[in-house]
Amino acid sequence: MREPRNAVRARSLLDEENLDAIVVEERGFSAWLTSGPYSAFGSGVEVVVTRDGVYIVTHLLEYWRLSRIPGVELKVYTRSREAVESEAYAGEKLVDALRLVLDGARRVGCVGGVCGRLREMGFEAIDVSEKLWRLRMVKEDWELERMSEAARIALRALASTPLLLREGVSELEVAAEHERLLRLYGSEGHAFAPHGSLTIVAFGANTAYPHWEPSGDARLEPGTPVLIDTGAVYRGYVSDLTRVYWFPGRGRYSFEKWKNLVEAVAEAVWEAFDSVEPGVEAWVVDQAARKALGGYAKWFIHSTGHGLGVEVHEPPRIAPGSKTRLEPGMVFTIEPGVYLRGEMGVRIEYMVVVGERGARLLGGAGESLGSLL
């Protein structure tokens, strides 16, 4: 059976770094290597790439869920030996299973906390996180297809947002309906869930807080700005998009002020997008957005963007001082924002992939920068 494609890519490091195996426990890398469910990984579940196979070492709790992943061999540690097939049983403890899979290995690549465990077990543990990130940052075509579909799902749900807006509805109610639509349109979950949050829905002055959590007390009034930040998951890969709306009518907010903010942020998106090309350092894209904002730049309080893939926040960072050189296949957000605390805020977020000559948007033919306003 065909091994997971990213595990095959990672195997190139065995010769490059003179390694016998690579072991990871961190959820993002585990999901990336195996195309397995992000939520199934974590403490006590290891992914091991050797020269002759890809293994998942797991406790019994996640065994049946992880057994659905093609191209990997599962090794289970449990005191309930009779509860697992004999060929999968690898001992009572994690170290027993790891020793079995790593039999004969001496020099082992690793990421993060598992490095210490491997050293305690007597292996020469070499941190290869930077090398793996270099592979992970550059998406292959099949990964881009999954991310494009995740973007399309989120865009479809966002397109229905105006139908959810009515006088008196709460932010929490809009968030709940939006998340229902994500599921109906094919999302496997919410991109933000691993960070302990879900859809951001903000009305009025709440739009000035970038990480606002929707409230059941915040009710929509006529003449109010609205911001929605969301993300879908498709076959393990995520999207992250933000759009702003104006709920019509007369109210306490100035439509002209909001429109001016939207135009300024839209121009910053354009300029940042146009600055993307292979070989450019990431800080250049961030600088382009800030320069376009002019006098509003002092209220732009976060980075211009972040990478994404199996997680919603990955390298590269599109931020001041970021020296990462952009390469074809890198995917990141462009999301400038202006936040006038106590008044209103605007953030507009797109997903872009670096091409051979510049950037293109992820999300299909219906996605264009011309739709910003």
Protein backbone atom coordinates (compact mmCIF):
# COMPACT_ATOMS: atom_id res chain seq x y z
CA MET A 1 0.00 0.00 0.00
CA ARG A 2 1.26 3.46 -0.90
CA GLU A 3 2.91 5.30 1.97
CA PRO A 4 1.76 8.83 2.93
CA ARG A 5 3.31 11.26 0.47
CA ASN A 6 4.74 13.64 3.05
CA ALA A 7 6.38 10.78 4.91
CA VAL A 8 8.11 9.84 1.67
CA ARG A 9 9.31 13.44 1.31
CA ALA A 10 10.59 13.45 4.88
CA ARG A 11 12.51 10.22 4.30
CA SER A 12 14.95 12.22 2.16
CA LEU A 13 16.34 13.63 5.42
CA LEU A 14 17.59 10.19 6.47
CA ASP A 15 20.40 10.32 3.93
CA GLU A 16 20.80 14.09 4.13
CA GLU A 17 21.34 14.02 7.91
CA ASN A 18 22.73 10.47 8.21
CA LEU A 19 19.74 9.31 10.26
CA ASP A 20 18.30 5.87 10.90
CA ALA A 21 14.78 7.19 11.57
CA ILE A 22 12.67 10.26 12.33
CA VAL A 23 10.29 10.39 15.30
CA VAL A 24 7.68 13.11 15.88
CA GLU A 25 4.98 13.53 18.50
CA GLU A 26 3.85 17.13 17.85
CA ARG A 27 0.33 17.09 16.41
CA GLY A 28 0.94 19.27 13.37
CA PHE A 29 3.90 17.27 12.14
CA SER A 30 2.18 13.96 12.92
CA ALA A 31 -0.88 14.96 10.88
CA TRP A 32 1.30 16.34 8.08
CA LEU A 33 3.44 13.21 7.83
CA THR A 34 0.53 10.76 7.76
CA SER A 35 -2.49 12.74 6.50
CA GLY A 36 -4.15 11.48 9.66
CA PRO A 37 -6.68 13.21 11.93
CA TYR A 38 -5.04 16.10 13.78
CA SER A 39 -7.05 15.51 16.95
CA ALA A 40 -5.87 11.90 17.28
CA PHE A 41 -2.24 12.87 17.74
CA GLY A 42 -0.44 14.37 20.71
CA SER A 43 1.24 13.09 23.86
CA GLY A 44 1.96 9.39 23.72
CA VAL A 45 1.28 8.98 19.99
CA GLU A 46 4.45 8.91 17.89
CA VAL A 47 4.98 8.84 14.13
CA VAL A 48 8.15 7.05 13.09
CA VAL A 49 9.63 7.17 9.60
CA THR A 50 12.33 4.60 8.91
CA ARG A 51 14.01 3.48 5.72
CA ASP A 52 11.61 0.57 5.32
CA GLY A 53 8.29 1.88 6.62
CA VAL A 54 6.07 4.45 8.31
CA TYR A 55 4.79 3.58 11.77
CA ILE A 56 2.38 5.07 14.26
CA VAL A 57 3.05 4.12 17.86
CA THR A 58 -0.15 4.66 19.81
CA HIS A 59 -2.00 3.77 22.97
CA LEU A 60 -5.13 1.67 22.65
CA LEU A 61 -7.48 4.69 22.90
CA GLU A 62 -6.69 5.95 19.39
CA TYR A 63 -5.84 2.62 17.78
CA TRP A 64 -9.04 2.05 15.81
CA ARG A 65 -9.27 5.63 14.56
CA LEU A 66 -5.64 5.68 13.42
CA SER A 67 -5.96 2.23 11.82
CA ARG A 68 -7.96 3.89 9.01
CA ILE A 69 -4.85 5.72 7.74
CA PRO A 70 -3.49 3.95 4.64
CA GLY A 71 0.18 3.19 4.16
CA VAL A 72 1.22 3.09 7.82
CA GLU A 73 1.79 0.26 10.28
CA LEU A 74 0.37 0.64 13.79
CA LYS A 75 2.14 -0.51 16.92
CA VAL A 76 0.05 -0.41 20.08
CA TYR A 77 1.14 -0.32 23.69
CA THR A 78 -1.44 -1.41 26.24
CA ARG A 79 -1.89 -3.51 29.35
CA SER A 80 -4.98 -5.01 27.70
CA ARG A 81 -3.09 -7.27 25.31
CA GLU A 82 -6.18 -9.27 24.43
CA ALA A 83 -7.89 -6.12 23.09
CA VAL A 84 -5.57 -5.70 20.10
CA GLU A 85 -4.41 -7.92 17.24
CA SER A 86 -1.21 -9.78 18.04
CA GLU A 87 0.70 -8.28 15.11
CA ALA A 88 -0.04 -4.74 16.34
CA TYR A 89 0.80 -5.35 20.00
CA ALA A 90 4.16 -3.80 20.95
CA GLY A 91 4.32 -3.94 24.74
CA GLU A 92 2.77 -2.39 27.80
CA LYS A 93 4.51 1.00 27.62
CA LEU A 94 5.37 3.63 25.04
CA VAL A 95 9.11 3.01 25.42
CA ASP A 96 8.55 -0.69 24.72
CA ALA A 97 6.82 0.09 21.43
CA LEU A 98 9.41 2.69 20.43
CA ARG A 99 12.27 0.31 21.08
CA LEU A 100 10.56 -2.31 18.94
CA VAL A 101 10.07 0.06 15.99
CA LEU A 102 13.54 1.61 16.35
CA ASP A 103 15.35 -1.71 16.73
CA GLY A 104 18.88 -1.29 15.38
CA ALA A 105 18.65 2.49 15.10
CA ARG A 106 21.28 4.72 16.64
CA ARG A 107 20.97 8.24 15.24
CA VAL A 108 17.34 9.46 15.23
CA GLY A 109 15.85 12.74 13.97
CA CYS A 110 13.17 14.30 16.12
CA VAL A 111 11.01 17.37 16.79
CA GLY A 112 10.47 19.06 20.15
CA GLY A 113 9.83 17.22 23.41
CA VAL A 114 10.22 13.70 22.04
CA CYS A 115 13.94 14.46 21.53
CA GLY A 116 14.47 14.32 25.30
CA ARG A 117 12.64 11.00 25.61
CA LEU A 118 14.78 9.48 22.86
CA ARG A 119 17.97 10.64 24.57
CA GLU A 120 16.80 9.09 27.83
CA MET A 121 16.32 5.85 25.90
CA GLY A 122 19.95 5.98 24.74
CA PHE A 123 19.50 7.23 21.16
CA GLU A 124 21.47 10.06 19.59
CA ALA A 125 18.59 12.48 19.01
CA ILE A 126 19.01 15.18 16.37
CA ASP A 127 16.45 18.02 16.16
CA VAL A 128 15.29 18.18 12.53
CA SER A 129 12.38 20.58 13.03
CA GLU A 130 13.89 23.28 10.81
CA LYS A 131 14.53 20.78 8.01
CA LEU A 132 11.01 19.41 8.24
CA TRP A 133 9.53 22.92 8.23
CA ARG A 134 11.36 23.66 4.98
CA LEU A 135 9.59 20.69 3.42
CA ARG A 136 6.25 21.45 5.07
CA MET A 137 6.18 25.13 4.05
CA VAL A 138 6.26 24.26 0.34
CA LYS A 139 2.97 22.65 -0.63
CA GLU A 140 2.66 20.10 -3.41
CA ASP A 141 -0.19 20.22 -5.91
CA TRP A 142 -2.33 17.70 -4.02
CA GLU A 143 -2.01 19.80 -0.86
CA LEU A 144 -2.96 22.96 -2.75
CA GLU A 145 -6.04 21.18 -4.10
CA ARG A 146 -7.17 20.34 -0.57
CA MET A 147 -6.54 23.86 0.67
CA SER A 148 -8.40 25.32 -2.30
CA GLU A 149 -11.40 23.16 -1.47
CA ALA A 150 -11.22 24.22 2.18
CA ALA A 151 -11.22 27.83 0.97
CA ARG A 152 -14.19 27.21 -1.32
CA ILE A 153 -16.18 25.72 1.55
CA ALA A 154 -15.49 28.74 3.75
CA LEU A 155 -16.23 31.17 0.90
CA ARG A 156 -19.55 29.46 0.24
CA ALA A 157 -20.51 29.83 3.90
CA LEU A 158 -19.36 33.47 3.90
CA ALA A 159 -21.46 34.15 0.80
CA SER A 160 -24.52 33.14 2.83
CA THR A 161 -23.64 35.48 5.69
CA PRO A 162 -25.86 38.41 4.58
CA LEU A 163 -28.85 36.06 4.84
CA LEU A 164 -28.00 35.45 8.50
CA LEU A 165 -27.93 39.13 9.40
CA ARG A 166 -31.17 40.53 10.77
CA GLU A 167 -31.99 43.10 13.40
CA GLY A 168 -31.73 41.69 16.90
CA VAL A 169 -29.70 38.59 16.02
CA SER A 170 -26.74 37.96 18.31
CA GLU A 171 -23.11 37.40 17.33
CA LEU A 172 -23.32 33.95 18.86
CA GLU A 173 -26.38 33.03 16.79
CA VAL A 174 -24.68 34.12 13.56
CA ALA A 175 -21.57 32.12 14.50
CA ALA A 176 -23.65 29.02 15.19
CA GLU A 177 -25.51 29.26 11.87
CA HIS A 178 -22.27 29.92 9.99
CA GLU A 179 -20.63 26.85 11.53
CA ARG A 180 -23.65 24.73 10.60
CA LEU A 181 -23.20 25.88 7.00
CA LEU A 182 -19.51 24.97 7.07
CA ARG A 183 -20.44 21.42 8.03
CA LEU A 184 -23.24 21.20 5.47
CA TYR A 185 -20.88 22.39 2.73
CA GLY A 186 -18.28 19.75 3.57
CA SER A 187 -15.99 21.01 6.32
CA GLU A 188 -14.60 18.28 8.59
CA GLY A 189 -14.36 20.69 11.51
CA HIS A 190 -13.29 24.24 12.23
CA ALA A 191 -9.79 25.43 11.36
CA PHE A 192 -9.53 27.41 14.60
CA ALA A 193 -10.61 24.60 16.96
CA PRO A 194 -7.05 23.55 17.94
CA HIS A 195 -6.54 27.11 19.19
CA GLY A 196 -9.57 26.88 21.46
CA SER A 197 -11.82 29.13 19.39
CA LEU A 198 -14.21 28.95 16.46
CA THR A 199 -15.73 31.51 14.10
CA ILE A 200 -15.14 35.15 14.97
CA VAL A 201 -18.33 37.18 14.54
CA ALA A 202 -18.17 40.82 15.65
CA PHE A 203 -20.70 43.63 15.46
CA GLY A 204 -20.07 47.35 15.77
CA ALA A 205 -17.30 48.40 18.16
CA ASN A 206 -16.41 44.73 18.70
CA THR A 207 -14.93 44.67 15.18
CA ALA A 208 -12.01 46.68 16.62
CA TYR A 209 -10.78 43.64 18.59
CA PRO A 210 -8.88 41.18 16.32
CA HIS A 211 -9.50 38.10 18.50
CA TRP A 212 -13.04 38.87 19.55
CA GLU A 213 -15.17 35.94 20.71
CA PRO A 214 -18.85 36.17 19.70
CA SER A 215 -21.25 37.15 22.45
CA GLY A 216 -24.87 36.26 23.04
CA ASP A 217 -25.40 39.74 24.43
CA ALA A 218 -24.20 41.62 21.34
CA ARG A 219 -27.29 42.19 19.17
CA LEU A 220 -27.28 43.54 15.64
CA GLU A 221 -28.65 47.03 15.16
CA PRO A 222 -29.38 48.95 11.93
CA GLY A 223 -26.39 50.76 10.47
CA THR A 224 -23.70 48.51 11.96
CA PRO A 225 -20.38 47.09 10.66
CA VAL A 226 -19.95 43.32 10.82
CA LEU A 227 -16.77 41.21 10.66
CA ILE A 228 -16.56 37.43 10.23
CA ASP A 229 -13.29 35.44 10.40
CA THR A 230 -13.61 31.74 9.66
CA GLY A 231 -11.91 28.62 8.38
CA ALA A 232 -12.89 25.20 7.06
CA VAL A 233 -11.07 21.87 7.06
CA TYR A 234 -10.97 19.56 4.05
CA ARG A 235 -9.09 16.25 4.12
CA GLY A 236 -6.90 17.55 6.91
CA TYR A 237 -6.01 20.94 5.36
CA VAL A 238 -7.42 24.27 6.47
CA SER A 239 -8.52 27.66 5.20
CA ASP A 240 -8.62 31.05 6.93
CA LEU A 241 -10.63 33.97 5.53
CA THR A 242 -12.09 37.21 6.87
CA ARG A 243 -14.79 39.39 5.34
CA VAL A 244 -16.58 42.55 6.43
CA TYR A 245 -20.17 43.65 5.84
CA TRP A 246 -22.41 46.63 6.48
CA PHE A 247 -25.85 45.97 7.94
CA PRO A 248 -27.93 48.76 6.39
CA GLY A 249 -30.00 51.36 8.17
CA ARG A 250 -29.50 54.41 10.34
CA GLY A 251 -27.58 53.92 13.55
CA ARG A 252 -24.75 55.17 15.68
CA TYR A 253 -21.96 54.11 13.31
CA SER A 254 -20.73 56.13 10.35
CA PHE A 255 -21.00 54.31 7.04
CA GLU A 256 -18.60 56.80 5.43
CA LYS A 257 -15.95 56.16 8.09
CA TRP A 258 -16.37 52.41 7.69
CA LYS A 259 -16.20 52.68 3.89
CA ASN A 260 -12.97 54.69 4.13
CA LEU A 261 -11.45 52.00 6.32
CA VAL A 262 -12.54 49.26 3.92
CA GLU A 263 -11.01 51.11 0.96
CA ALA A 264 -7.74 51.62 2.83
CA VAL A 265 -7.50 47.99 3.89
CA ALA A 266 -8.47 46.77 0.41
CA GLU A 267 -5.64 48.86 -1.06
CA ALA A 268 -3.24 47.31 1.46
CA VAL A 269 -4.36 43.83 0.36
CA TRP A 270 -3.73 44.77 -3.27
CA GLU A 271 -0.27 46.17 -2.60
CA ALA A 272 0.78 43.22 -0.47
CA PHE A 273 -0.51 40.78 -3.10
CA ASP A 274 1.40 42.56 -5.85
CA SER A 275 4.65 42.43 -3.86
CA VAL A 276 4.65 38.61 -3.66
CA GLU A 277 7.17 36.85 -5.88
CA PRO A 278 9.75 34.07 -5.48
CA GLY A 279 12.93 35.18 -3.74
CA VAL A 280 11.35 38.13 -1.93
CA GLU A 281 11.80 38.11 1.84
CA ALA A 282 8.53 37.93 3.78
CA TRP A 283 9.02 41.31 5.48
CA VAL A 284 8.72 43.02 2.08
CA VAL A 285 5.09 41.87 1.77
CA ASP A 286 4.33 43.12 5.27
CA GLN A 287 5.95 46.47 4.51
CA ALA A 288 3.91 46.86 1.31
CA ALA A 289 0.67 46.52 3.30
CA ARG A 290 1.76 48.99 5.97
CA LYS A 291 2.92 51.56 3.44
CA ALA A 292 -0.40 51.36 1.59
CA LEU A 293 -2.32 52.07 4.81
CA GLY A 294 -0.62 55.44 5.20
CA GLY A 295 -1.90 57.21 8.31
CA TYR A 296 -3.99 54.20 9.28
CA ALA A 297 -0.85 52.05 9.70
CA LYS A 298 -0.50 52.95 13.38
CA TRP A 299 -3.76 51.08 14.01
CA PHE A 300 -2.53 47.98 12.20
CA ILE A 301 -1.47 45.98 15.26
CA HIS A 302 -0.57 42.52 13.97
CA SER A 303 1.44 40.92 11.19
CA THR A 304 0.20 40.97 7.60
CA GLY A 305 -0.13 37.22 7.40
CA HIS A 306 0.85 33.71 8.41
CA GLY A 307 1.39 30.41 6.71
CA LEU A 308 -1.16 27.62 6.90
CA GLY A 309 -1.55 23.99 5.90
CA VAL A 310 -2.67 21.24 8.28
CA GLU A 311 -2.67 23.98 10.94
CA VAL A 312 -4.06 27.49 10.72
CA HIS A 313 -0.82 29.08 11.93
CA GLU A 314 2.38 27.82 10.33
CA PRO A 315 5.52 29.38 8.88
CA PRO A 316 6.22 31.56 7.02
CA ARG A 317 5.31 34.66 9.06
CA ILE A 318 4.54 37.68 6.91
CA ALA A 319 5.75 40.14 9.50
CA PRO A 320 8.30 42.92 10.13
CA GLY A 321 11.79 41.46 10.21
CA SER A 322 10.80 38.07 8.75
CA LYS A 323 13.73 36.95 6.57
CA THR A 324 12.07 33.87 5.07
CA ARG A 325 12.53 33.92 1.30
CA LEU A 326 9.30 33.12 -0.49
CA GLU A 327 9.29 30.02 -2.69
CA PRO A 328 6.76 28.64 -5.16
CA GLY A 329 4.26 26.50 -3.27
CA MET A 330 4.29 28.51 -0.04
CA VAL A 331 0.79 29.38 1.17
CA PHE A 332 -0.03 32.21 3.54
CA THR A 333 -2.69 34.76 4.38
CA ILE A 334 -2.71 38.43 3.53
CA GLU A 335 -4.86 40.09 6.20
CA PRO A 336 -4.15 43.73 6.96
CA GLY A 337 -6.49 45.40 9.43
CA VAL A 338 -7.21 48.74 11.01
CA TYR A 339 -8.65 48.79 14.54
CA LEU A 340 -10.08 51.99 16.01
CA ARG A 341 -10.68 50.89 19.59
CA GLY A 342 -14.12 51.77 20.87
CA GLU A 343 -15.33 52.66 17.36
CA MET A 344 -14.89 50.00 14.65
CA GLY A 345 -12.36 47.86 12.86
CA VAL A 346 -11.86 46.34 9.42
CA ARG A 347 -9.79 43.27 8.49
CA ILE A 348 -9.88 41.60 5.08
CA GLU A 349 -8.14 38.26 4.69
CA TYR A 350 -7.24 36.25 1.62
CA MET A 351 -5.21 33.07 1.10
CA VAL A 352 -2.44 33.21 -1.48
CA VAL A 353 0.04 30.74 -2.91
CA VAL A 354 3.41 31.79 -4.31
CA GLY A 355 3.72 30.93 -7.99
CA GLU A 356 6.65 31.01 -10.38
CA ARG A 357 6.08 34.70 -11.17
CA GLY A 358 3.91 36.05 -8.38
CA ALA A 359 0.93 35.18 -6.23
CA ARG A 360 -2.46 33.68 -6.94
CA LEU A 361 -5.51 33.35 -4.73
CA LEU A 362 -6.71 30.06 -3.34
CA GLY A 363 -10.41 29.42 -3.52
CA GLY A 364 -11.34 28.88 -7.15
CA ALA A 365 -12.49 30.97 -10.05
CA GLY A 366 -14.99 32.93 -7.96
CA GLU A 367 -12.28 34.35 -5.72
CA SER A 368 -10.85 37.68 -6.87
CA LEU A 369 -9.46 40.80 -5.27
CA GLY A 370 -11.99 42.80 -7.26
CA SER A 371 -14.72 41.51 -4.93
CA LEU A 372 -13.30 43.31 -1.88
CA LEU A 373 -15.97 46.01 -1.98
